[in-house]
Protein backbone atom coordinates (compact mmCIF):
# COMPACT_ATOMS: atom_id res chain seq x y z
CA MET A 1 86.47 38.73 112.42
CA PRO A 2 89.75 38.18 114.46
CA THR A 3 90.18 39.97 117.68
CA GLU A 4 93.09 42.38 118.12
CA GLN A 5 94.93 39.62 120.33
CA GLN A 6 94.39 37.02 117.68
CA SER A 7 95.86 39.18 114.88
CA GLN A 8 99.04 39.87 116.90
CA HIS A 9 99.95 36.08 117.02
CA PRO A 10 100.63 33.93 114.00
CA PRO A 11 98.22 31.00 113.63
CA ILE A 12 99.38 28.00 115.74
CA PHE A 13 99.86 25.83 112.77
CA GLN A 14 102.80 28.04 111.47
CA ASN A 15 104.85 27.03 114.59
CA GLN A 16 107.80 24.75 114.32
CA VAL A 17 108.84 21.99 116.80
CA VAL A 18 112.34 20.66 117.34
CA VAL A 19 112.41 16.81 117.26
CA PHE A 20 114.95 15.00 119.35
CA SER A 21 115.94 11.27 118.90
CA LYS A 22 115.32 8.71 121.66
CA ASN A 23 118.91 9.57 122.68
CA TYR A 24 118.28 13.26 122.87
CA LEU A 25 120.03 14.23 119.70
CA PRO A 26 118.29 17.31 117.93
CA LEU A 27 117.32 15.77 114.55
CA THR A 28 115.27 18.37 112.78
CA ARG A 29 112.34 20.88 112.72
CA ILE A 30 108.88 19.84 111.79
CA ASN A 31 105.61 21.69 111.56
CA ILE A 32 103.26 21.45 114.54
CA LYS A 33 100.73 19.27 112.57
CA ARG A 34 103.36 16.60 112.18
CA ALA A 35 104.30 16.81 115.83
CA ILE A 36 100.62 16.42 116.90
CA VAL A 37 100.45 13.21 114.86
CA LEU A 38 103.71 11.97 116.48
CA LEU A 39 102.40 12.85 119.94
CA VAL A 40 98.79 11.26 119.41
CA THR A 41 100.16 8.02 117.97
CA GLY A 42 102.66 7.65 120.89
CA GLN A 43 105.78 7.98 118.58
CA ALA A 44 106.93 10.98 120.58
CA GLU A 45 106.64 12.69 123.89
CA SER A 46 106.84 16.37 124.89
CA MET A 47 110.04 17.61 126.57
CA GLU A 48 110.43 20.29 129.08
CA PHE A 49 113.60 22.05 127.88
CA ASN A 50 115.21 25.46 128.31
CA SER A 51 111.86 27.23 128.95
CA ALA A 52 110.35 25.79 125.86
CA GLN A 53 107.14 27.25 124.60
CA GLN A 54 103.95 25.21 124.96
CA TRP A 55 100.84 25.45 122.72
CA GLU A 56 97.39 24.13 123.39
CA VAL A 57 95.70 22.63 120.37
CA ARG A 58 91.90 21.98 120.74
CA SER A 59 89.53 19.83 119.00
CA PRO A 60 85.88 19.29 119.96
CA SER A 61 86.80 16.36 122.13
CA VAL A 62 90.60 16.69 122.92
CA VAL A 63 92.99 19.27 124.16
CA ILE A 64 96.59 18.52 123.39
CA SER A 65 99.53 20.36 124.86
CA VAL A 66 102.39 20.53 122.31
CA SER A 67 105.84 21.51 123.44
CA GLU A 68 108.33 23.40 121.23
CA HIS A 69 110.54 20.24 121.80
CA ILE A 70 109.50 16.58 121.43
CA ARG A 71 111.41 13.39 121.76
CA LEU A 72 110.85 10.32 119.63
CA THR A 73 110.00 7.30 121.98
CA LYS A 74 111.23 4.77 119.52
CA GLY A 75 114.51 4.34 117.69
CA ASN A 76 114.86 3.16 114.13
CA PRO A 77 117.79 0.76 114.11
CA LYS A 78 117.51 0.38 110.40
CA ARG A 79 118.00 4.04 109.68
CA ARG A 80 121.65 4.36 109.24
CA TRP A 81 123.26 7.24 107.26
CA LYS A 82 125.84 6.25 104.78
CA ILE A 83 128.29 8.68 103.24
CA PRO A 84 127.03 9.01 99.64
CA PRO A 85 129.27 7.73 96.87
CA VAL A 86 131.59 10.34 95.30
CA SER A 87 129.57 11.76 92.27
CA ARG A 88 129.64 14.95 90.21
CA ARG A 89 126.22 16.06 91.76
CA GLU A 90 127.20 15.28 95.39
CA ILE A 91 130.48 17.08 95.01
CA PHE A 92 128.82 20.30 93.52
CA ARG A 93 126.42 20.06 96.47
CA ARG A 94 128.99 19.68 98.99
CA ASP A 95 130.92 22.68 97.49
CA ASP A 96 127.83 24.82 97.16
CA HIS A 97 128.30 24.93 93.28
CA ASN A 98 131.35 27.13 93.50
CA CYS A 99 134.88 26.70 92.26
CA GLN A 100 137.09 25.71 95.15
CA TYR A 101 140.00 27.74 93.62
CA CYS A 102 138.45 30.99 92.53
CA GLY A 103 134.80 30.90 93.77
CA SER A 104 133.29 31.10 90.31
CA ALA A 105 129.85 29.44 89.75
CA LYS A 106 130.18 29.27 86.02
CA HIS A 107 131.32 26.29 83.78
CA LEU A 108 131.88 23.96 86.60
CA THR A 109 133.89 20.63 86.39
CA VAL A 110 135.37 18.20 88.88
CA ASP A 111 139.06 18.22 89.65
CA HIS A 112 141.37 15.76 91.53
CA VAL A 113 143.45 17.86 93.90
CA ILE A 114 146.15 15.24 93.65
CA PRO A 115 145.95 14.11 90.09
CA ARG A 116 145.18 10.48 89.61
CA SER A 117 148.26 10.19 87.33
CA LYS A 118 150.23 11.10 90.52
CA GLY A 119 148.55 8.54 92.83
CA GLY A 120 145.48 10.66 93.83
CA THR A 121 142.24 8.79 94.54
CA HIS A 122 138.56 9.52 93.56
CA SER A 123 137.61 10.17 97.06
CA TRP A 124 135.87 12.89 99.07
CA SER A 125 139.18 14.24 100.40
CA ASN A 126 140.72 14.59 96.92
CA VAL A 127 137.90 15.78 94.61
CA VAL A 128 136.64 19.33 94.41
CA THR A 129 134.50 21.47 92.16
CA ALA A 130 136.45 23.64 89.94
CA CYS A 131 135.54 26.00 87.03
CA GLU A 132 137.04 25.09 83.59
CA SER A 133 139.57 27.91 83.60
CA CYS A 134 141.07 26.93 86.95
CA ASN A 135 140.95 23.19 86.19
CA SER A 136 142.79 23.81 82.88
CA ALA A 137 145.36 26.07 84.57
CA LYS A 138 146.01 23.50 87.15
CA GLY A 139 146.12 20.54 84.67
CA ASP A 140 148.04 17.53 85.79
CA ARG A 141 150.17 19.34 88.45
CA LEU A 142 149.94 19.64 92.27
CA LEU A 143 148.74 22.85 93.94
CA HIS A 144 152.16 23.82 95.25
CA GLU A 145 153.81 23.46 91.90
CA ILE A 146 151.66 26.29 90.28
CA GLY A 147 150.81 28.38 93.50
CA MET A 148 147.08 27.52 93.64
CA ALA A 149 145.23 27.09 96.98
CA LEU A 150 141.86 25.59 97.96
CA LYS A 151 139.24 27.75 99.43
CA THR A 152 138.16 24.82 101.71
CA LYS A 153 139.65 21.50 102.64
CA PRO A 154 137.60 18.74 100.83
CA LYS A 155 135.85 16.22 103.12
CA ALA A 156 132.96 13.83 103.08
CA PRO A 157 129.60 15.43 103.57
CA VAL A 158 128.07 15.58 107.13
CA HIS A 159 124.92 13.81 107.95
CA PRO A 160 122.06 16.34 107.94
CA ALA A 161 121.07 15.43 111.50
CA ILE A 162 124.48 16.17 112.74
CA ALA A 163 124.61 19.53 110.95
CA PHE A 164 121.31 20.43 112.49
CA ALA A 165 122.29 19.33 116.03
CA GLU A 166 125.41 21.51 115.73
CA GLN A 167 123.28 24.56 114.57
CA PHE A 168 120.76 23.90 117.30
CA TRP A 169 123.22 23.72 120.16
CA LYS A 170 124.91 26.95 118.87
CA GLU A 171 121.57 28.80 118.98
CA GLN A 172 121.06 27.58 122.63
CA GLN A 173 124.30 29.34 123.74
CA PRO A 174 123.82 32.61 125.62
CA ILE A 175 124.69 35.68 123.83
CA ASP A 176 127.84 37.37 125.33
CA HIS A 177 127.78 41.13 125.07
């Protein structure tokens, strides 16, 4: 039967660890089990960072101290992120499955902001998710010709590690009252 103190704290294996690259870029969060494997195999090291929490994990023969932040000790030069090709699936994912003109999530299609007939390209900066009715209303015209506007400017997707790093550093900022 767990003691009162044990029941107040979640089991240690539910904790998350932030993984930094060899160059100190925050990459992702992983569970503590995966962090232990990286530490034991020498693929990562603990970091002392911003009063990071430490956990002790005990086995019958070893006690491992796991920090809330670990840093990979080796880089992977082969791991390069390429911008994915422009495809219907990737466009919908980037635009969060919402029409970029009216916000609808129904009957979605792909629209070229500058129509191809007017020199528009099939590129990340010119293709958006549009519902059938907005796409039909726009037709083969430019936005200013019919008074339509985009909710967000189309751009290539961001690498997941970069998005994670931006969010991580925002969370580290002191809260101003």
